[in-house]
Amino acid sequence: MVLGATEVMRQAQPGGAVSHVQIKVGDALFMLRDPGTPDLVDYRKKGYAISAKDLGGTPVHLYLYVEDVDTVFKRALAAGSKMVNALADQEWGDRCGGFQDPFGQIWYVATHIKDGPQ
């Protein structure tokens, strides 16, 4: 996986589509759902199960610290993500870059490299 995640749990639909997965990245646990799976019909009717692609973008940007941001960023682009912000050293002390994954989510990945101004 791009972020170096390990899968903790998954629930699949009878046809094999994964509807719910839990992944762990470092100490962070993420629970993700596929809004297109049949078990979310009622949620879709209420407008709760919509993907970032369905919305034409996302108001949420995830900022995740990783051990080696250069490697993670390259893996993301190689896996089909689109660059949002180039990887660069920032004045606040992080080396970070942003990408939009194939599902429309925006991720910023960073490695802290020095203490920035207070």
N, C-alpha and C. Protein backbone atom coordinates (compact mmCIF):
# COMPACT_ATOMS: atom_id res chain seq x y z
N MET A 1 0.83 -1.18 0.00
CA MET A 1 0.00 0.00 0.00
C MET A 1 0.88 1.25 0.00
N VAL A 2 0.36 2.29 -0.58
CA VAL A 2 1.09 3.54 -0.73
C VAL A 2 1.58 4.09 0.61
N LEU A 3 0.73 4.09 1.62
CA LEU A 3 1.07 4.70 2.91
C LEU A 3 1.79 3.75 3.85
N GLY A 4 2.09 2.54 3.41
CA GLY A 4 2.73 1.57 4.28
C GLY A 4 1.76 1.01 5.30
N ALA A 5 0.50 1.00 4.97
CA ALA A 5 -0.54 0.56 5.89
C ALA A 5 -0.59 -0.96 5.99
N THR A 6 -1.09 -1.42 7.12
CA THR A 6 -1.40 -2.83 7.27
C THR A 6 -2.91 -2.96 7.45
N GLU A 7 -3.47 -3.96 6.84
CA GLU A 7 -4.91 -4.19 6.96
C GLU A 7 -5.20 -4.85 8.29
N VAL A 8 -6.17 -4.30 9.00
CA VAL A 8 -6.57 -4.83 10.30
C VAL A 8 -7.81 -5.70 10.14
N MET A 9 -8.77 -5.26 9.32
CA MET A 9 -10.02 -5.99 9.15
C MET A 9 -10.65 -5.55 7.83
N ARG A 10 -11.43 -6.46 7.22
CA ARG A 10 -12.20 -6.10 6.03
C ARG A 10 -13.52 -6.84 6.02
N GLN A 11 -14.54 -6.20 5.43
CA GLN A 11 -15.83 -6.83 5.19
C GLN A 11 -16.09 -6.74 3.70
N ALA A 12 -16.37 -7.88 3.09
CA ALA A 12 -16.62 -7.92 1.66
C ALA A 12 -18.07 -8.29 1.38
N GLN A 13 -18.58 -7.78 0.28
CA GLN A 13 -19.92 -8.11 -0.19
C GLN A 13 -19.88 -9.48 -0.86
N PRO A 14 -21.03 -10.13 -1.07
CA PRO A 14 -21.05 -11.45 -1.71
C PRO A 14 -20.32 -11.49 -3.06
N GLY A 15 -20.34 -10.40 -3.81
CA GLY A 15 -19.64 -10.35 -5.10
C GLY A 15 -18.16 -10.10 -4.98
N GLY A 16 -17.68 -9.85 -3.76
CA GLY A 16 -16.26 -9.65 -3.53
C GLY A 16 -15.84 -8.20 -3.30
N ALA A 17 -16.74 -7.25 -3.58
CA ALA A 17 -16.39 -5.84 -3.36
C ALA A 17 -16.20 -5.59 -1.87
N VAL A 18 -15.14 -4.89 -1.53
CA VAL A 18 -14.86 -4.57 -0.13
C VAL A 18 -15.71 -3.36 0.26
N SER A 19 -16.56 -3.55 1.27
CA SER A 19 -17.42 -2.46 1.70
C SER A 19 -16.86 -1.71 2.90
N HIS A 20 -16.03 -2.34 3.70
CA HIS A 20 -15.50 -1.73 4.92
C HIS A 20 -14.11 -2.32 5.16
N VAL A 21 -13.16 -1.45 5.43
CA VAL A 21 -11.82 -1.91 5.74
C VAL A 21 -11.22 -1.02 6.84
N GLN A 22 -10.47 -1.64 7.70
CA GLN A 22 -9.72 -0.90 8.70
C GLN A 22 -8.24 -1.10 8.38
N ILE A 23 -7.52 0.02 8.32
CA ILE A 23 -6.09 -0.04 8.06
C ILE A 23 -5.36 0.73 9.16
N LYS A 24 -4.13 0.33 9.37
CA LYS A 24 -3.30 1.00 10.37
C LYS A 24 -2.07 1.56 9.67
N VAL A 25 -1.83 2.86 9.88
CA VAL A 25 -0.64 3.52 9.35
C VAL A 25 0.09 4.06 10.57
N GLY A 26 1.23 3.47 10.88
CA GLY A 26 1.91 3.83 12.13
C GLY A 26 1.00 3.49 13.29
N ASP A 27 0.71 4.46 14.13
CA ASP A 27 -0.20 4.26 15.26
C ASP A 27 -1.63 4.68 14.94
N ALA A 28 -1.87 5.20 13.73
CA ALA A 28 -3.19 5.70 13.35
C ALA A 28 -4.04 4.59 12.73
N LEU A 29 -5.27 4.48 13.21
CA LEU A 29 -6.22 3.50 12.69
C LEU A 29 -7.28 4.23 11.88
N PHE A 30 -7.47 3.83 10.62
CA PHE A 30 -8.46 4.41 9.74
C PHE A 30 -9.52 3.37 9.41
N MET A 31 -10.78 3.77 9.45
CA MET A 31 -11.88 2.91 9.03
C MET A 31 -12.48 3.55 7.78
N LEU A 32 -12.48 2.82 6.68
CA LEU A 32 -12.92 3.35 5.40
C LEU A 32 -14.07 2.53 4.85
N ARG A 33 -14.98 3.21 4.13
CA ARG A 33 -16.12 2.53 3.49
C ARG A 33 -16.14 2.88 2.02
N ASP A 34 -16.63 1.98 1.22
CA ASP A 34 -16.87 2.24 -0.20
C ASP A 34 -18.33 2.68 -0.31
N PRO A 35 -18.60 3.93 -0.69
CA PRO A 35 -19.99 4.40 -0.73
C PRO A 35 -20.83 3.76 -1.81
N GLY A 36 -20.23 2.99 -2.71
CA GLY A 36 -20.98 2.39 -3.80
C GLY A 36 -21.45 0.97 -3.55
N THR A 37 -21.14 0.38 -2.40
CA THR A 37 -21.52 -1.01 -2.17
C THR A 37 -23.01 -1.12 -1.82
N PRO A 38 -23.62 -2.26 -2.14
CA PRO A 38 -25.07 -2.44 -1.94
C PRO A 38 -25.54 -2.28 -0.49
N ASP A 39 -24.68 -2.52 0.48
CA ASP A 39 -25.12 -2.42 1.87
C ASP A 39 -25.35 -0.97 2.33
N LEU A 40 -25.02 -0.01 1.48
CA LEU A 40 -25.20 1.40 1.84
C LEU A 40 -26.33 2.08 1.08
N VAL A 41 -27.26 1.31 0.55
CA VAL A 41 -28.37 1.87 -0.23
C VAL A 41 -29.13 2.92 0.58
N ASP A 42 -29.47 2.62 1.83
CA ASP A 42 -30.22 3.57 2.65
C ASP A 42 -29.40 4.83 2.93
N TYR A 43 -28.12 4.69 3.16
CA TYR A 43 -27.26 5.85 3.39
C TYR A 43 -27.19 6.73 2.14
N ARG A 44 -27.11 6.10 0.95
CA ARG A 44 -27.06 6.88 -0.29
C ARG A 44 -28.36 7.65 -0.49
N LYS A 45 -29.50 7.04 -0.17
CA LYS A 45 -30.79 7.72 -0.31
C LYS A 45 -30.85 8.97 0.56
N LYS A 46 -30.20 8.93 1.71
CA LYS A 46 -30.17 10.07 2.64
C LYS A 46 -29.06 11.07 2.30
N GLY A 47 -28.20 10.72 1.34
CA GLY A 47 -27.10 11.59 0.96
C GLY A 47 -25.87 11.46 1.82
N TYR A 48 -25.77 10.38 2.60
CA TYR A 48 -24.63 10.19 3.50
C TYR A 48 -23.49 9.38 2.90
N ALA A 49 -23.73 8.66 1.85
CA ALA A 49 -22.70 7.81 1.25
C ALA A 49 -22.38 8.34 -0.14
N ILE A 50 -21.57 9.37 -0.16
CA ILE A 50 -21.18 10.02 -1.41
C ILE A 50 -19.66 10.08 -1.44
N SER A 51 -19.09 9.76 -2.57
CA SER A 51 -17.63 9.80 -2.67
C SER A 51 -17.16 11.21 -3.03
N ALA A 52 -15.90 11.46 -2.81
CA ALA A 52 -15.32 12.74 -3.21
C ALA A 52 -15.47 12.94 -4.71
N LYS A 53 -15.36 11.87 -5.49
CA LYS A 53 -15.54 11.98 -6.94
C LYS A 53 -16.97 12.39 -7.28
N ASP A 54 -17.96 11.83 -6.55
CA ASP A 54 -19.36 12.20 -6.78
C ASP A 54 -19.59 13.68 -6.54
N LEU A 55 -18.88 14.23 -5.57
CA LEU A 55 -19.01 15.64 -5.21
C LEU A 55 -18.18 16.57 -6.11
N GLY A 56 -17.32 15.97 -6.93
CA GLY A 56 -16.44 16.78 -7.77
C GLY A 56 -15.23 17.30 -7.00
N GLY A 57 -14.96 16.74 -5.84
CA GLY A 57 -13.84 17.14 -5.01
C GLY A 57 -14.17 16.85 -3.56
N THR A 58 -13.28 17.24 -2.67
CA THR A 58 -13.50 16.99 -1.25
C THR A 58 -13.11 18.21 -0.43
N PRO A 59 -13.89 18.51 0.61
CA PRO A 59 -13.52 19.61 1.50
C PRO A 59 -12.52 19.16 2.57
N VAL A 60 -12.22 17.87 2.61
CA VAL A 60 -11.35 17.32 3.64
C VAL A 60 -9.98 17.02 3.06
N HIS A 61 -8.95 17.50 3.74
CA HIS A 61 -7.57 17.18 3.38
C HIS A 61 -6.96 16.47 4.58
N LEU A 62 -6.41 15.31 4.36
CA LEU A 62 -5.80 14.51 5.43
C LEU A 62 -4.30 14.78 5.45
N TYR A 63 -3.75 15.07 6.62
CA TYR A 63 -2.32 15.36 6.78
C TYR A 63 -1.75 14.25 7.64
N LEU A 64 -0.87 13.45 7.07
CA LEU A 64 -0.36 12.27 7.74
C LEU A 64 1.16 12.29 7.80
N TYR A 65 1.70 12.14 9.01
CA TYR A 65 3.15 12.03 9.18
C TYR A 65 3.58 10.60 8.89
N VAL A 66 4.63 10.48 8.08
CA VAL A 66 5.20 9.18 7.73
C VAL A 66 6.70 9.24 7.95
N GLU A 67 7.31 8.08 8.04
CA GLU A 67 8.74 8.02 8.31
C GLU A 67 9.58 8.52 7.14
N ASP A 68 9.19 8.18 5.91
CA ASP A 68 9.98 8.55 4.72
C ASP A 68 9.04 9.15 3.68
N VAL A 69 8.83 10.45 3.75
CA VAL A 69 7.86 11.12 2.89
C VAL A 69 8.22 11.01 1.41
N ASP A 70 9.49 11.02 1.08
CA ASP A 70 9.87 10.93 -0.33
C ASP A 70 9.42 9.61 -0.95
N THR A 71 9.63 8.52 -0.24
CA THR A 71 9.23 7.21 -0.73
C THR A 71 7.71 7.10 -0.85
N VAL A 72 7.00 7.55 0.17
CA VAL A 72 5.53 7.47 0.16
C VAL A 72 4.96 8.32 -0.97
N PHE A 73 5.48 9.52 -1.16
CA PHE A 73 4.98 10.41 -2.21
C PHE A 73 5.20 9.79 -3.60
N LYS A 74 6.38 9.23 -3.83
CA LYS A 74 6.66 8.58 -5.12
C LYS A 74 5.72 7.39 -5.35
N ARG A 75 5.48 6.60 -4.29
CA ARG A 75 4.58 5.45 -4.41
C ARG A 75 3.17 5.91 -4.76
N ALA A 76 2.72 7.00 -4.14
CA ALA A 76 1.37 7.51 -4.41
C ALA A 76 1.22 7.90 -5.87
N LEU A 77 2.17 8.62 -6.40
CA LEU A 77 2.10 9.03 -7.81
C LEU A 77 2.19 7.83 -8.74
N ALA A 78 3.04 6.86 -8.41
CA ALA A 78 3.17 5.66 -9.24
C ALA A 78 1.89 4.82 -9.22
N ALA A 79 1.11 4.93 -8.14
CA ALA A 79 -0.13 4.15 -8.02
C ALA A 79 -1.33 4.87 -8.62
N GLY A 80 -1.11 6.01 -9.27
CA GLY A 80 -2.21 6.68 -9.97
C GLY A 80 -2.74 7.93 -9.29
N SER A 81 -2.11 8.37 -8.21
CA SER A 81 -2.53 9.62 -7.58
C SER A 81 -2.05 10.80 -8.41
N LYS A 82 -2.74 11.93 -8.26
CA LYS A 82 -2.36 13.16 -8.97
C LYS A 82 -1.74 14.13 -7.96
N MET A 83 -0.65 14.76 -8.36
CA MET A 83 0.02 15.71 -7.48
C MET A 83 -0.86 16.95 -7.27
N VAL A 84 -1.02 17.35 -6.01
CA VAL A 84 -1.72 18.57 -5.64
C VAL A 84 -0.71 19.65 -5.30
N ASN A 85 0.27 19.30 -4.49
CA ASN A 85 1.39 20.18 -4.15
C ASN A 85 2.67 19.36 -4.21
N ALA A 86 3.68 19.92 -4.86
CA ALA A 86 4.96 19.22 -4.97
C ALA A 86 5.59 19.01 -3.59
N LEU A 87 6.34 17.97 -3.48
CA LEU A 87 7.07 17.67 -2.25
C LEU A 87 8.14 18.74 -2.05
N ALA A 88 8.17 19.35 -0.85
CA ALA A 88 9.14 20.42 -0.58
C ALA A 88 9.33 20.58 0.92
N ASP A 89 10.47 21.15 1.29
CA ASP A 89 10.74 21.49 2.68
C ASP A 89 9.96 22.78 2.99
N GLN A 90 9.20 22.75 4.09
CA GLN A 90 8.35 23.89 4.45
C GLN A 90 8.96 24.67 5.61
N GLU A 91 8.61 25.95 5.71
CA GLU A 91 9.18 26.81 6.76
C GLU A 91 8.79 26.38 8.17
N TRP A 92 7.70 25.62 8.31
CA TRP A 92 7.29 25.19 9.65
C TRP A 92 8.02 23.92 10.11
N GLY A 93 8.90 23.39 9.25
CA GLY A 93 9.75 22.30 9.67
C GLY A 93 9.42 20.93 9.12
N ASP A 94 8.41 20.83 8.28
CA ASP A 94 8.05 19.56 7.66
C ASP A 94 8.50 19.53 6.22
N ARG A 95 8.85 18.36 5.75
CA ARG A 95 8.98 18.10 4.31
C ARG A 95 7.67 17.45 3.94
N CYS A 96 6.90 18.09 3.06
CA CYS A 96 5.58 17.53 2.76
C CYS A 96 5.19 17.80 1.32
N GLY A 97 4.19 17.05 0.88
CA GLY A 97 3.61 17.21 -0.44
C GLY A 97 2.20 16.67 -0.41
N GLY A 98 1.40 17.11 -1.38
CA GLY A 98 -0.01 16.68 -1.42
C GLY A 98 -0.34 15.95 -2.70
N PHE A 99 -1.26 14.99 -2.58
CA PHE A 99 -1.74 14.27 -3.75
C PHE A 99 -3.21 13.93 -3.58
N GLN A 100 -3.87 13.75 -4.72
CA GLN A 100 -5.27 13.29 -4.73
C GLN A 100 -5.25 11.84 -5.15
N ASP A 101 -5.79 10.97 -4.29
CA ASP A 101 -5.77 9.55 -4.62
C ASP A 101 -6.82 9.23 -5.68
N PRO A 102 -6.79 8.03 -6.25
CA PRO A 102 -7.74 7.68 -7.32
C PRO A 102 -9.21 7.74 -6.91
N PHE A 103 -9.49 7.82 -5.61
CA PHE A 103 -10.87 7.90 -5.13
C PHE A 103 -11.30 9.33 -4.87
N GLY A 104 -10.40 10.30 -5.08
CA GLY A 104 -10.72 11.70 -4.93
C GLY A 104 -10.33 12.34 -3.61
N GLN A 105 -9.76 11.56 -2.70
CA GLN A 105 -9.34 12.11 -1.42
C GLN A 105 -8.01 12.85 -1.56
N ILE A 106 -7.86 13.93 -0.81
CA ILE A 106 -6.63 14.71 -0.81
C ILE A 106 -5.81 14.32 0.42
N TRP A 107 -4.58 13.93 0.20
CA TRP A 107 -3.66 13.55 1.27
C TRP A 107 -2.44 14.46 1.22
N TYR A 108 -2.02 14.92 2.38
CA TYR A 108 -0.73 15.55 2.52
C TYR A 108 0.09 14.61 3.39
N VAL A 109 1.25 14.23 2.91
CA VAL A 109 2.14 13.37 3.69
C VAL A 109 3.37 14.19 4.05
N ALA A 110 3.88 13.96 5.25
CA ALA A 110 4.99 14.77 5.73
C ALA A 110 5.91 13.98 6.63
N THR A 111 7.15 14.42 6.66
CA THR A 111 8.13 13.98 7.63
C THR A 111 8.68 15.24 8.28
N HIS A 112 8.69 15.26 9.60
CA HIS A 112 9.22 16.43 10.31
C HIS A 112 10.75 16.39 10.21
N ILE A 113 11.34 17.48 9.72
CA ILE A 113 12.79 17.50 9.50
C ILE A 113 13.53 18.49 10.41
N LYS A 114 12.84 19.49 10.91
CA LYS A 114 13.47 20.47 11.82
C LYS A 114 12.38 21.26 12.53
N ASP A 115 12.73 21.85 13.65
CA ASP A 115 11.79 22.70 14.35
C ASP A 115 11.71 24.03 13.61
N GLY A 116 10.48 24.49 13.38
CA GLY A 116 10.26 25.74 12.67
C GLY A 116 10.12 26.91 13.63
N PRO A 117 9.82 28.09 13.09
CA PRO A 117 9.63 29.26 13.93
C PRO A 117 8.40 29.10 14.83
N GLN A 118 8.47 29.67 16.00
CA GLN A 118 7.35 29.57 16.95
C GLN A 118 6.37 30.68 16.76
